[in-house]
Amino acid sequence: MEQTQNASAVQYEGEFVLTSDGNKDFGEISPEIAQKIRRQAGKIRLRIGKQEEKPGDFGEKHIERPLRLKQLKSHGYNNARDLVQDVAASFDTVFGDGQRIILSKRGKTTDTSIFIELTPASEEDFYDVKTGLIARKNYFKKKTPLWTKPKSGV
């Protein structure tokens, strides 16, 4: 569910953005999903990051570029934290290539998908959020999912 009513100030712990309830972990790639996608299990964390218009940009600052932030707000998200929190908690598909993992869920309209891109952290056993955005539903049309949430919801 989108975070339309959550306008609380974003809080930080060191270089990490905290969830709306003050946690550093936004979600996780569970051991069960990790086994199916042949990747490591791990928590999902969002760093403050950087946005310098260069390769390697990532995190909250990268997601909240002015045009992207306007797009997020038009879809009911106040900020990068709310987008990441929503997708990390309720993704229904996992895509991947190389080191990247993309968590995706359906948008609130039938023609959109919402996703976050993760990369394994180099210093600890968790995933960093590189970016996140809202795209057309067919954005992943030619990609084969590594995992899809079973119809039973488990």
Foldseek 3Di string as FASTA:
>chain_A
DFPQPDPDDWDDDVQWTAASVGHQFLAKCDPVNCVLLVHAIATEGFGCFDDDPDPPTFGQHNCVDPVNCVQCVVQRHNGPNRLSSVQRVDFFFWFDDDQKIKTWDQGPDNQKIKIWIWGADPPDGHIYTGYIGIDTPCPCVVTDTSGGQDPVRD
